[in-house]
Full PDB file with SEQRES, HELIX, SHEET, SSBOND, CRYST1, ORIGX, SCALE, CONECT and MASTER records, all heavy atoms in Angstrom:
SEQRES   1 A   46  GLY SER THR VAL ILE VAL GLU THR LEU PHE SER LEU PRO          
SEQRES   2 A   46  GLY MET GLY SER LEU VAL VAL HIS ALA ALA GLY GLN GLY          
SEQRES   3 A   46  ASP LEU PRO ILE VAL GLN GLY ALA VAL LEU VAL ILE ALA          
SEQRES   4 A   46  VAL THR TYR VAL VAL ILE ASN                                  
HELIX    1 AA1 VAL A    4  LEU A    9  1                                   6    
HELIX    2 AA2 MET A   15  GLN A   25  1                                  11    
HELIX    3 AA3 LEU A   28  ILE A   45  1                                  18    
CRYST1    1.000    1.000    1.000  90.00  90.00  90.00 P 1           1          
ORIGX1      1.000000  0.000000  0.000000        0.00000                         
ORIGX2      0.000000  1.000000  0.000000        0.00000                         
ORIGX3      0.000000  0.000000  1.000000        0.00000                         
SCALE1      1.000000  0.000000  0.000000        0.00000                         
SCALE2      0.000000  1.000000  0.000000        0.00000                         
SCALE3      0.000000  0.000000  1.000000        0.00000                         
ATOM      1  N   GLY A   1       1.682  12.647 -30.652  1.00  0.00           N  
ATOM      2  CA  GLY A   1       0.720  12.241 -29.638  1.00  0.00           C  
ATOM      3  C   GLY A   1       1.300  11.422 -28.503  1.00  0.00           C  
ATOM      4  O   GLY A   1       0.584  11.093 -27.554  1.00  0.00           O  
ATOM      5  N   SER A   2       2.588  11.091 -28.574  1.00  0.00           N  
ATOM      6  CA  SER A   2       3.177  10.211 -27.565  1.00  0.00           C  
ATOM      7  C   SER A   2       4.198  10.925 -26.692  1.00  0.00           C  
ATOM      8  O   SER A   2       5.032  10.276 -26.070  1.00  0.00           O  
ATOM      9  CB  SER A   2       3.836   9.010 -28.251  1.00  0.00           C  
ATOM     10  OG  SER A   2       4.894   9.426 -29.098  1.00  0.00           O  
ATOM     11  N   THR A   3       4.158  12.243 -26.658  1.00  0.00           N  
ATOM     12  CA  THR A   3       5.097  12.994 -25.821  1.00  0.00           C  
ATOM     13  C   THR A   3       4.480  13.322 -24.464  1.00  0.00           C  
ATOM     14  O   THR A   3       4.861  14.300 -23.828  1.00  0.00           O  
ATOM     15  CB  THR A   3       5.503  14.306 -26.525  1.00  0.00           C  
ATOM     16  OG1 THR A   3       4.318  15.066 -26.817  1.00  0.00           O  
ATOM     17  CG2 THR A   3       6.245  14.031 -27.817  1.00  0.00           C  
ATOM     18  N   VAL A   4       3.536  12.477 -24.032  1.00  0.00           N  
ATOM     19  CA  VAL A   4       2.807  12.759 -22.790  1.00  0.00           C  
ATOM     20  C   VAL A   4       3.771  12.813 -21.608  1.00  0.00           C  
ATOM     21  O   VAL A   4       3.707  13.734 -20.777  1.00  0.00           O  
ATOM     22  CB  VAL A   4       1.725  11.684 -22.558  1.00  0.00           C  
ATOM     23  CG1 VAL A   4       1.012  11.934 -21.237  1.00  0.00           C  
ATOM     24  CG2 VAL A   4       0.739  11.678 -23.711  1.00  0.00           C  
ATOM     25  N   ILE A   5       4.661  11.826 -21.508  1.00  0.00           N  
ATOM     26  CA  ILE A   5       5.567  11.756 -20.361  1.00  0.00           C  
ATOM     27  C   ILE A   5       6.481  12.976 -20.331  1.00  0.00           C  
ATOM     28  O   ILE A   5       6.678  13.613 -19.288  1.00  0.00           O  
ATOM     29  CB  ILE A   5       6.382  10.454 -20.408  1.00  0.00           C  
ATOM     30  CG1 ILE A   5       5.455   9.248 -20.262  1.00  0.00           C  
ATOM     31  CG2 ILE A   5       7.450  10.437 -19.325  1.00  0.00           C  
ATOM     32  CD1 ILE A   5       6.157   7.920 -20.368  1.00  0.00           C  
ATOM     33  N   VAL A   6       7.050  13.309 -21.488  1.00  0.00           N  
ATOM     34  CA  VAL A   6       7.978  14.439 -21.550  1.00  0.00           C  
ATOM     35  C   VAL A   6       7.249  15.744 -21.255  1.00  0.00           C  
ATOM     36  O   VAL A   6       7.749  16.595 -20.509  1.00  0.00           O  
ATOM     37  CB  VAL A   6       8.666  14.490 -22.929  1.00  0.00           C  
ATOM     38  CG1 VAL A   6       9.532  15.730 -23.048  1.00  0.00           C  
ATOM     39  CG2 VAL A   6       9.502  13.238 -23.141  1.00  0.00           C  
ATOM     40  N   GLU A   7       6.067  15.915 -21.832  1.00  0.00           N  
ATOM     41  CA  GLU A   7       5.309  17.140 -21.581  1.00  0.00           C  
ATOM     42  C   GLU A   7       4.894  17.243 -20.116  1.00  0.00           C  
ATOM     43  O   GLU A   7       4.835  18.345 -19.559  1.00  0.00           O  
ATOM     44  CB  GLU A   7       4.078  17.173 -22.493  1.00  0.00           C  
ATOM     45  CG  GLU A   7       4.404  17.363 -23.954  1.00  0.00           C  
ATOM     46  CD  GLU A   7       3.174  17.343 -24.843  1.00  0.00           C  
ATOM     47  OE1 GLU A   7       2.049  17.235 -24.302  1.00  0.00           O  
ATOM     48  OE2 GLU A   7       3.334  17.432 -26.070  1.00  0.00           O  
ATOM     49  N   THR A   8       4.624  16.106 -19.491  1.00  0.00           N  
ATOM     50  CA  THR A   8       4.264  16.128 -18.071  1.00  0.00           C  
ATOM     51  C   THR A   8       5.477  16.452 -17.203  1.00  0.00           C  
ATOM     52  O   THR A   8       5.386  17.237 -16.255  1.00  0.00           O  
ATOM     53  CB  THR A   8       3.667  14.774 -17.655  1.00  0.00           C  
ATOM     54  OG1 THR A   8       2.524  14.488 -18.466  1.00  0.00           O  
ATOM     55  CG2 THR A   8       3.248  14.800 -16.194  1.00  0.00           C  
ATOM     56  N   LEU A   9       6.627  15.841 -17.530  1.00  0.00           N  
ATOM     57  CA  LEU A   9       7.838  16.084 -16.742  1.00  0.00           C  
ATOM     58  C   LEU A   9       8.247  17.548 -16.774  1.00  0.00           C  
ATOM     59  O   LEU A   9       8.659  18.122 -15.763  1.00  0.00           O  
ATOM     60  CB  LEU A   9       8.991  15.211 -17.258  1.00  0.00           C  
ATOM     61  CG  LEU A   9       8.994  13.740 -16.869  1.00  0.00           C  
ATOM     62  CD1 LEU A   9      10.137  13.014 -17.564  1.00  0.00           C  
ATOM     63  CD2 LEU A   9       9.093  13.575 -15.369  1.00  0.00           C  
ATOM     64  N   PHE A  10       8.126  18.163 -17.960  1.00  0.00           N  
ATOM     65  CA  PHE A  10       8.590  19.538 -18.127  1.00  0.00           C  
ATOM     66  C   PHE A  10       7.441  20.542 -18.135  1.00  0.00           C  
ATOM     67  O   PHE A  10       7.656  21.717 -18.444  1.00  0.00           O  
ATOM     68  CB  PHE A  10       9.385  19.661 -19.427  1.00  0.00           C  
ATOM     69  CG  PHE A  10      10.670  18.884 -19.427  1.00  0.00           C  
ATOM     70  CD1 PHE A  10      10.726  17.596 -19.926  1.00  0.00           C  
ATOM     71  CD2 PHE A  10      11.836  19.438 -18.913  1.00  0.00           C  
ATOM     72  CE1 PHE A  10      11.909  16.874 -19.927  1.00  0.00           C  
ATOM     73  CE2 PHE A  10      13.025  18.721 -18.906  1.00  0.00           C  
ATOM     74  CZ  PHE A  10      13.063  17.434 -19.410  1.00  0.00           C  
ATOM     75  N   SER A  11       6.222  20.080 -17.813  1.00  0.00           N  
ATOM     76  CA  SER A  11       5.044  20.966 -17.733  1.00  0.00           C  
ATOM     77  C   SER A  11       4.860  21.779 -19.005  1.00  0.00           C  
ATOM     78  O   SER A  11       4.760  23.016 -18.976  1.00  0.00           O  
ATOM     79  CB  SER A  11       5.168  21.903 -16.513  1.00  0.00           C  
ATOM     80  OG  SER A  11       5.280  21.170 -15.315  1.00  0.00           O  
ATOM     81  N   LEU A  12       4.788  21.092 -20.128  1.00  0.00           N  
ATOM     82  CA  LEU A  12       4.652  21.748 -21.425  1.00  0.00           C  
ATOM     83  C   LEU A  12       3.201  21.692 -21.895  1.00  0.00           C  
ATOM     84  O   LEU A  12       2.535  20.659 -21.740  1.00  0.00           O  
ATOM     85  CB  LEU A  12       5.561  21.084 -22.462  1.00  0.00           C  
ATOM     86  CG  LEU A  12       7.050  21.035 -22.098  1.00  0.00           C  
ATOM     87  CD1 LEU A  12       7.836  20.341 -23.192  1.00  0.00           C  
ATOM     88  CD2 LEU A  12       7.589  22.428 -21.856  1.00  0.00           C  
ATOM     89  N   PRO A  13       2.697  22.765 -22.490  1.00  0.00           N  
ATOM     90  CA  PRO A  13       1.287  22.824 -22.904  1.00  0.00           C  
ATOM     91  C   PRO A  13       1.048  22.207 -24.276  1.00  0.00           C  
ATOM     92  O   PRO A  13       0.561  22.863 -25.197  1.00  0.00           O  
ATOM     93  CB  PRO A  13       1.000  24.328 -22.914  1.00  0.00           C  
ATOM     94  CG  PRO A  13       2.312  24.949 -23.294  1.00  0.00           C  
ATOM     95  CD  PRO A  13       3.376  24.079 -22.673  1.00  0.00           C  
ATOM     96  N   GLY A  14       1.388  20.921 -24.446  1.00  0.00           N  
ATOM     97  CA  GLY A  14       1.245  20.259 -25.733  1.00  0.00           C  
ATOM     98  C   GLY A  14       0.006  19.385 -25.809  1.00  0.00           C  
ATOM     99  O   GLY A  14      -0.836  19.354 -24.905  1.00  0.00           O  
ATOM    100  N   MET A  15      -0.093  18.608 -26.893  1.00  0.00           N  
ATOM    101  CA  MET A  15      -1.258  17.769 -27.132  1.00  0.00           C  
ATOM    102  C   MET A  15      -1.363  16.653 -26.108  1.00  0.00           C  
ATOM    103  O   MET A  15      -2.459  16.300 -25.665  1.00  0.00           O  
ATOM    104  CB  MET A  15      -1.192  17.185 -28.545  1.00  0.00           C  
ATOM    105  CG  MET A  15      -1.312  18.209 -29.645  1.00  0.00           C  
ATOM    106  SD  MET A  15      -2.969  18.915 -29.763  1.00  0.00           S  
ATOM    107  CE  MET A  15      -3.870  17.549 -30.482  1.00  0.00           C  
ATOM    108  N   GLY A  16      -0.238  16.068 -25.726  1.00  0.00           N  
ATOM    109  CA  GLY A  16      -0.276  14.991 -24.754  1.00  0.00           C  
ATOM    110  C   GLY A  16      -0.846  15.434 -23.429  1.00  0.00           C  
ATOM    111  O   GLY A  16      -1.733  14.779 -22.853  1.00  0.00           O  
ATOM    112  N   SER A  17      -0.344  16.544 -22.927  1.00  0.00           N  
ATOM    113  CA  SER A  17      -0.869  17.073 -21.666  1.00  0.00           C  
ATOM    114  C   SER A  17      -2.340  17.452 -21.782  1.00  0.00           C  
ATOM    115  O   SER A  17      -3.126  17.251 -20.850  1.00  0.00           O  
ATOM    116  CB  SER A  17      -0.051  18.295 -21.239  1.00  0.00           C  
ATOM    117  OG  SER A  17       1.311  17.961 -21.042  1.00  0.00           O  
ATOM    118  N   LEU A  18      -2.714  17.992 -22.929  1.00  0.00           N  
ATOM    119  CA  LEU A  18      -4.110  18.392 -23.132  1.00  0.00           C  
ATOM    120  C   LEU A  18      -5.038  17.191 -23.081  1.00  0.00           C  
ATOM    121  O   LEU A  18      -6.094  17.231 -22.431  1.00  0.00           O  
ATOM    122  CB  LEU A  18      -4.245  19.116 -24.477  1.00  0.00           C  
ATOM    123  CG  LEU A  18      -5.649  19.606 -24.846  1.00  0.00           C  
ATOM    124  CD1 LEU A  18      -6.105  20.692 -23.880  1.00  0.00           C  
ATOM    125  CD2 LEU A  18      -5.671  20.138 -26.275  1.00  0.00           C  
ATOM    126  N   VAL A  19      -4.672  16.099 -23.747  1.00  0.00           N  
ATOM    127  CA  VAL A  19      -5.521  14.908 -23.776  1.00  0.00           C  
ATOM    128  C   VAL A  19      -5.629  14.288 -22.384  1.00  0.00           C  
ATOM    129  O   VAL A  19      -6.719  13.915 -21.936  1.00  0.00           O  
ATOM    130  CB  VAL A  19      -4.971  13.886 -24.790  1.00  0.00           C  
ATOM    131  CG1 VAL A  19      -5.730  12.569 -24.686  1.00  0.00           C  
ATOM    132  CG2 VAL A  19      -5.078  14.425 -26.199  1.00  0.00           C  
ATOM    133  N   VAL A  20      -4.504  14.152 -21.708  1.00  0.00           N  
ATOM    134  CA  VAL A  20      -4.509  13.534 -20.380  1.00  0.00           C  
ATOM    135  C   VAL A  20      -5.360  14.358 -19.402  1.00  0.00           C  
ATOM    136  O   VAL A  20      -6.177  13.812 -18.648  1.00  0.00           O  
ATOM    137  CB  VAL A  20      -3.064  13.385 -19.854  1.00  0.00           C  
ATOM    138  CG1 VAL A  20      -3.069  12.947 -18.391  1.00  0.00           C  
ATOM    139  CG2 VAL A  20      -2.298  12.394 -20.694  1.00  0.00           C  
ATOM    140  N   HIS A  21      -5.184  15.666 -19.429  1.00  0.00           N  
ATOM    141  CA  HIS A  21      -5.940  16.528 -18.520  1.00  0.00           C  
ATOM    142  C   HIS A  21      -7.427  16.486 -18.849  1.00  0.00           C  
ATOM    143  O   HIS A  21      -8.272  16.405 -17.938  1.00  0.00           O  
ATOM    144  CB  HIS A  21      -5.414  17.956 -18.634  1.00  0.00           C  
ATOM    145  CG  HIS A  21      -6.030  18.910 -17.657  1.00  0.00           C  
ATOM    146  ND1 HIS A  21      -5.806  18.843 -16.290  1.00  0.00           N  
ATOM    147  CD2 HIS A  21      -6.886  19.963 -17.831  1.00  0.00           C  
ATOM    148  CE1 HIS A  21      -6.484  19.790 -15.679  1.00  0.00           C  
ATOM    149  NE2 HIS A  21      -7.147  20.486 -16.592  1.00  0.00           N  
ATOM    150  N   ALA A  22      -7.773  16.526 -20.132  1.00  0.00           N  
ATOM    151  CA  ALA A  22      -9.183  16.517 -20.524  1.00  0.00           C  
ATOM    152  C   ALA A  22      -9.833  15.175 -20.213  1.00  0.00           C  
ATOM    153  O   ALA A  22     -10.985  15.119 -19.763  1.00  0.00           O  
ATOM    154  CB  ALA A  22      -9.312  16.840 -22.008  1.00  0.00           C  
ATOM    155  N   ALA A  23      -9.104  14.073 -20.448  1.00  0.00           N  
ATOM    156  CA  ALA A  23      -9.663  12.755 -20.153  1.00  0.00           C  
ATOM    157  C   ALA A  23      -9.893  12.585 -18.657  1.00  0.00           C  
ATOM    158  O   ALA A  23     -10.885  11.975 -18.236  1.00  0.00           O  
ATOM    159  CB  ALA A  23      -8.729  11.668 -20.672  1.00  0.00           C  
ATOM    160  N   GLY A  24      -9.002  13.111 -17.839  1.00  0.00           N  
ATOM    161  CA  GLY A  24      -9.179  13.023 -16.396  1.00  0.00           C  
ATOM    162  C   GLY A  24     -10.387  13.793 -15.904  1.00  0.00           C  
ATOM    163  O   GLY A  24     -11.010  13.404 -14.910  1.00  0.00           O  
ATOM    164  N   GLN A  25     -10.744  14.857 -16.579  1.00  0.00           N  
ATOM    165  CA  GLN A  25     -11.901  15.668 -16.187  1.00  0.00           C  
ATOM    166  C   GLN A  25     -13.182  15.252 -16.900  1.00  0.00           C  
ATOM    167  O   GLN A  25     -14.250  15.791 -16.605  1.00  0.00           O  
ATOM    168  CB  GLN A  25     -11.625  17.145 -16.479  1.00  0.00           C  
ATOM    169  CG  GLN A  25     -10.541  17.764 -15.623  1.00  0.00           C  
ATOM    170  CD  GLN A  25     -10.394  19.244 -15.886  1.00  0.00           C  
ATOM    171  OE1 GLN A  25     -10.418  19.694 -17.032  1.00  0.00           O  
ATOM    172  NE2 GLN A  25     -10.239  20.024 -14.813  1.00  0.00           N  
ATOM    173  N   GLY A  26     -13.065  14.331 -17.869  1.00  0.00           N  
ATOM    174  CA  GLY A  26     -14.240  13.935 -18.622  1.00  0.00           C  
ATOM    175  C   GLY A  26     -14.680  14.954 -19.644  1.00  0.00           C  
ATOM    176  O   GLY A  26     -15.858  15.020 -19.996  1.00  0.00           O  
ATOM    177  N   ASP A  27     -13.737  15.753 -20.142  1.00  0.00           N  
ATOM    178  CA  ASP A  27     -14.056  16.786 -21.139  1.00  0.00           C  
ATOM    179  C   ASP A  27     -14.056  16.133 -22.520  1.00  0.00           C  
ATOM    180  O   ASP A  27     -13.053  16.128 -23.240  1.00  0.00           O  
ATOM    181  CB  ASP A  27     -13.033  17.919 -21.065  1.00  0.00           C  
ATOM    182  CG  ASP A  27     -13.579  19.214 -21.636  1.00  0.00           C  
ATOM    183  OD1 ASP A  27     -14.495  19.139 -22.478  1.00  0.00           O  
ATOM    184  OD2 ASP A  27     -13.122  20.297 -21.233  1.00  0.00           O  
ATOM    185  N   LEU A  28     -15.193  15.579 -22.902  1.00  0.00           N  
ATOM    186  CA  LEU A  28     -15.306  14.772 -24.106  1.00  0.00           C  
ATOM    187  C   LEU A  28     -14.956  15.519 -25.388  1.00  0.00           C  
ATOM    188  O   LEU A  28     -14.239  14.986 -26.231  1.00  0.00           O  
ATOM    189  CB  LEU A  28     -16.717  14.193 -24.194  1.00  0.00           C  
ATOM    190  CG  LEU A  28     -16.997  13.213 -25.335  1.00  0.00           C  
ATOM    191  CD1 LEU A  28     -16.089  12.008 -25.230  1.00  0.00           C  
ATOM    192  CD2 LEU A  28     -18.464  12.790 -25.321  1.00  0.00           C  
ATOM    193  N   PRO A  29     -15.439  16.733 -25.635  1.00  0.00           N  
ATOM    194  CA  PRO A  29     -15.112  17.404 -26.903  1.00  0.00           C  
ATOM    195  C   PRO A  29     -13.607  17.606 -27.114  1.00  0.00           C  
ATOM    196  O   PRO A  29     -13.114  17.464 -28.236  1.00  0.00           O  
ATOM    197  CB  PRO A  29     -15.841  18.750 -26.783  1.00  0.00           C  
ATOM    198  CG  PRO A  29     -16.958  18.498 -25.840  1.00  0.00           C  
ATOM    199  CD  PRO A  29     -16.415  17.519 -24.846  1.00  0.00           C  
ATOM    200  N   ILE A  30     -12.870  17.914 -26.052  1.00  0.00           N  
ATOM    201  CA  ILE A  30     -11.428  18.109 -26.206  1.00  0.00           C  
ATOM    202  C   ILE A  30     -10.748  16.782 -26.515  1.00  0.00           C  
ATOM    203  O   ILE A  30      -9.841  16.706 -27.368  1.00  0.00           O  
ATOM    204  CB  ILE A  30     -10.836  18.743 -24.939  1.00  0.00           C  
ATOM    205  CG1 ILE A  30     -11.310  20.191 -24.806  1.00  0.00           C  
ATOM    206  CG2 ILE A  30      -9.312  18.700 -24.964  1.00  0.00           C  
ATOM    207  CD1 ILE A  30     -10.714  20.928 -23.628  1.00  0.00           C  
ATOM    208  N   VAL A  31     -11.165  15.715 -25.848  1.00  0.00           N  
ATOM    209  CA  VAL A  31     -10.579  14.399 -26.122  1.00  0.00           C  
ATOM    210  C   VAL A  31     -10.843  13.997 -27.564  1.00  0.00           C  
ATOM    211  O   VAL A  31      -9.936  13.533 -28.275  1.00  0.00           O  
ATOM    212  CB  VAL A  31     -11.149  13.348 -25.148  1.00  0.00           C  
ATOM    213  CG1 VAL A  31     -10.648  11.957 -25.511  1.00  0.00           C  
ATOM    214  CG2 VAL A  31     -10.757  13.676 -23.716  1.00  0.00           C  
ATOM    215  N   GLN A  32     -12.076  14.157 -28.024  1.00  0.00           N  
ATOM    216  CA  GLN A  32     -12.409  13.805 -29.399  1.00  0.00           C  
ATOM    217  C   GLN A  32     -11.604  14.619 -30.395  1.00  0.00           C  
ATOM    218  O   GLN A  32     -11.030  14.070 -31.349  1.00  0.00           O  
ATOM    219  CB  GLN A  32     -13.904  14.026 -29.638  1.00  0.00           C  
ATOM    220  CG  GLN A  32     -14.803  13.015 -28.960  1.00  0.00           C  
ATOM    221  CD  GLN A  32     -16.271  13.325 -29.183  1.00  0.00           C  
ATOM    222  OE1 GLN A  32     -16.675  14.475 -29.347  1.00  0.00           O  
ATOM    223  NE2 GLN A  32     -17.087  12.274 -29.177  1.00  0.00           N  
ATOM    224  N   GLY A  33     -11.533  15.925 -30.199  1.00  0.00           N  
ATOM    225  CA  GLY A  33     -10.814  16.780 -31.131  1.00  0.00           C  
ATOM    226  C   GLY A  33      -9.327  16.496 -31.148  1.00  0.00           C  
ATOM    227  O   GLY A  33      -8.709  16.411 -32.222  1.00  0.00           O  
ATOM    228  N   ALA A  34      -8.730  16.325 -29.968  1.00  0.00           N  
ATOM    229  CA  ALA A  34      -7.287  16.091 -29.900  1.00  0.00           C  
ATOM    230  C   ALA A  34      -6.913  14.752 -30.506  1.00  0.00           C  
ATOM    231  O   ALA A  34      -5.947  14.661 -31.281  1.00  0.00           O  
ATOM    232  CB  ALA A  34      -6.821  16.171 -28.450  1.00  0.00           C  
ATOM    233  N   VAL A  35      -7.653  13.709 -30.183  1.00  0.00           N  
ATOM    234  CA  VAL A  35      -7.354  12.387 -30.739  1.00  0.00           C  
ATOM    235  C   VAL A  35      -7.538  12.382 -32.249  1.00  0.00           C  
ATOM    236  O   VAL A  35      -6.746  11.770 -32.987  1.00  0.00           O  
ATOM    237  CB  VAL A  35      -8.244  11.320 -30.068  1.00  0.00           C  
ATOM    238  CG1 VAL A  35      -8.067   9.972 -30.748  1.00  0.00           C  
ATOM    239  CG2 VAL A  35      -7.906  11.197 -28.590  1.00  0.00           C  
ATOM    240  N   LEU A  36      -8.576  13.066 -32.731  1.00  0.00           N  
ATOM    241  CA  LEU A  36      -8.795  13.130 -34.175  1.00  0.00           C  
ATOM    242  C   LEU A  36      -7.645  13.851 -34.874  1.00  0.00           C  
ATOM    243  O   LEU A  36      -7.159  13.393 -35.924  1.00  0.00           O  
ATOM    244  CB  LEU A  36     -10.118  13.832 -34.480  1.00  0.00           C  
ATOM    245  CG  LEU A  36     -10.456  13.983 -35.963  1.00  0.00           C  
ATOM    246  CD1 LEU A  36     -10.623  12.612 -36.613  1.00  0.00           C  
ATOM    247  CD2 LEU A  36     -11.723  14.813 -36.147  1.00  0.00           C  
ATOM    248  N   VAL A  37      -7.198  14.971 -34.334  1.00  0.00           N  
ATOM    249  CA  VAL A  37      -6.099  15.720 -34.941  1.00  0.00           C  
ATOM    250  C   VAL A  37      -4.825  14.868 -34.982  1.00  0.00           C  
ATOM    251  O   VAL A  37      -4.111  14.822 -35.996  1.00  0.00           O  
ATOM    252  CB  VAL A  37      -5.851  17.031 -34.174  1.00  0.00           C  
ATOM    253  CG1 VAL A  37      -4.540  17.677 -34.612  1.00  0.00           C  
ATOM    254  CG2 VAL A  37      -7.009  17.993 -34.397  1.00  0.00           C  
ATOM    255  N   ILE A  38      -4.534  14.167 -33.891  1.00  0.00           N  
ATOM    256  CA  ILE A  38      -3.345  13.319 -33.845  1.00  0.00           C  
ATOM    257  C   ILE A  38      -3.458  12.180 -34.860  1.00  0.00           C  
ATOM    258  O   ILE A  38      -2.503  11.878 -35.590  1.00  0.00           O  
ATOM    259  CB  ILE A  38      -3.140  12.761 -32.428  1.00  0.00           C  
ATOM    260  CG1 ILE A  38      -2.803  13.895 -31.462  1.00  0.00           C  
ATOM    261  CG2 ILE A  38      -2.027  11.717 -32.411  1.00  0.00           C  
ATOM    262  CD1 ILE A  38      -2.775  13.473 -30.009  1.00  0.00           C  
ATOM    263  N   ALA A  39      -4.636  11.551 -34.929  1.00  0.00           N  
ATOM    264  CA  ALA A  39      -4.822  10.438 -35.858  1.00  0.00           C  
ATOM    265  C   ALA A  39      -4.743  10.890 -37.307  1.00  0.00           C  
ATOM    266  O   ALA A  39      -4.114  10.224 -38.145  1.00  0.00           O  
ATOM    267  CB  ALA A  39      -6.175   9.770 -35.591  1.00  0.00           C  
ATOM    268  N   VAL A  40      -5.366  12.023 -37.625  1.00  0.00           N  
ATOM    269  CA  VAL A  40      -5.310  12.544 -38.992  1.00  0.00           C  
ATOM    270  C   VAL A  40      -3.876  12.918 -39.362  1.00  0.00           C  
ATOM    271  O   VAL A  40      -3.419  12.659 -40.488  1.00  0.00           O  
ATOM    272  CB  VAL A  40      -6.260  13.748 -39.141  1.00  0.00           C  
ATOM    273  CG1 VAL A  40      -6.019  14.455 -40.466  1.00  0.00           C  
ATOM    274  CG2 VAL A  40      -7.705  13.301 -39.051  1.00  0.00           C  
ATOM    275  N   THR A  41      -3.156  13.502 -38.431  1.00  0.00           N  
ATOM    276  CA  THR A  41      -1.752  13.839 -38.688  1.00  0.00           C  
ATOM    277  C   THR A  41      -0.942  12.592 -39.002  1.00  0.00           C  
ATOM    278  O   THR A  41      -0.118  12.574 -39.918  1.00  0.00           O  
ATOM    279  CB  THR A  41      -1.151  14.557 -37.469  1.00  0.00           C  
ATOM    280  OG1 THR A  41      -1.910  15.732 -37.191  1.00  0.00           O  
ATOM    281  CG2 THR A  41       0.296  14.952 -37.731  1.00  0.00           C  
ATOM    282  N   TYR A  42      -1.179  11.524 -38.251  1.00  0.00           N  
ATOM    283  CA  TYR A  42      -0.471  10.266 -38.483  1.00  0.00           C  
ATOM    284  C   TYR A  42      -0.762   9.728 -39.882  1.00  0.00           C  
ATOM    285  O   TYR A  42       0.150   9.319 -40.605  1.00  0.00           O  
ATOM    286  CB  TYR A  42      -0.883   9.248 -37.421  1.00  0.00           C  
ATOM    287  CG  TYR A  42      -0.063   7.990 -37.419  1.00  0.00           C  
ATOM    288  CD1 TYR A  42       1.047   7.866 -36.601  1.00  0.00           C  
ATOM    289  CD2 TYR A  42      -0.395   6.914 -38.234  1.00  0.00           C  
ATOM    290  CE1 TYR A  42       1.807   6.717 -36.593  1.00  0.00           C  
ATOM    291  CE2 TYR A  42       0.353   5.757 -38.234  1.00  0.00           C  
ATOM    292  CZ  TYR A  42       1.462   5.658 -37.411  1.00  0.00           C  
ATOM    293  OH  TYR A  42       2.212   4.517 -37.425  1.00  0.00           O  
ATOM    294  N   VAL A  43      -2.031   9.728 -40.269  1.00  0.00           N  
ATOM    295  CA  VAL A  43      -2.417   9.194 -41.579  1.00  0.00           C  
ATOM    296  C   VAL A  43      -1.825  10.039 -42.705  1.00  0.00           C  
ATOM    297  O   VAL A  43      -1.291   9.507 -43.692  1.00  0.00           O  
ATOM    298  CB  VAL A  43      -3.948   9.128 -41.698  1.00  0.00           C  
ATOM    299  CG1 VAL A  43      -4.366   8.754 -43.118  1.00  0.00           C  
ATOM    300  CG2 VAL A  43      -4.517   8.119 -40.708  1.00  0.00           C  
ATOM    301  N   VAL A  44      -1.903  11.359 -42.581  1.00  0.00           N  
ATOM    302  CA  VAL A  44      -1.400  12.247 -43.632  1.00  0.00           C  
ATOM    303  C   VAL A  44       0.118  12.108 -43.783  1.00  0.00           C  
ATOM    304  O   VAL A  44       0.646  12.029 -44.904  1.00  0.00           O  
ATOM    305  CB  VAL A  44      -1.801  13.705 -43.337  1.00  0.00           C  
ATOM    306  CG1 VAL A  44      -1.102  14.658 -44.301  1.00  0.00           C  
ATOM    307  CG2 VAL A  44      -3.309  13.866 -43.439  1.00  0.00           C  
ATOM    308  N   ILE A  45       0.838  12.064 -42.675  1.00  0.00           N  
ATOM    309  CA  ILE A  45       2.294  11.924 -42.753  1.00  0.00           C  
ATOM    310  C   ILE A  45       2.671  10.573 -43.331  1.00  0.00           C  
ATOM    311  O   ILE A  45       3.610  10.464 -44.139  1.00  0.00           O  
ATOM    312  CB  ILE A  45       2.926  12.125 -41.365  1.00  0.00           C  
ATOM    313  CG1 ILE A  45       2.761  13.575 -40.918  1.00  0.00           C  
ATOM    314  CG2 ILE A  45       4.401  11.749 -41.373  1.00  0.00           C  
ATOM    315  CD1 ILE A  45       3.332  13.869 -39.548  1.00  0.00           C  
ATOM    316  N   ASN A  46       1.949   9.535 -42.965  1.00  0.00           N  
ATOM    317  CA  ASN A  46       2.216   8.214 -43.523  1.00  0.00           C  
ATOM    318  C   ASN A  46       2.003   8.205 -45.031  1.00  0.00           C  
ATOM    319  O   ASN A  46       2.783   7.597 -45.783  1.00  0.00           O  
ATOM    320  CB  ASN A  46       1.310   7.185 -42.853  1.00  0.00           C  
ATOM    321  CG  ASN A  46       1.736   5.760 -43.155  1.00  0.00           C  
ATOM    322  OD1 ASN A  46       2.869   5.520 -43.560  1.00  0.00           O  
ATOM    323  ND2 ASN A  46       0.839   4.822 -42.956  1.00  0.00           N  
TER     324      ASN A  46                                                      
MASTER        0    0    0    3    0    0    0    6  323    1    0    4          
END                                                                             
């Protein structure tokens, strides 16, 4: 979830770019889903 800068620099279609773009447009369902997936991944890996 923290590769936002790298994905932006190289124009990569990853989770970071998706969250930033959706938050800028106010697309609430995408922000909720993306943040939840990232958070669940963090908890499961931990």
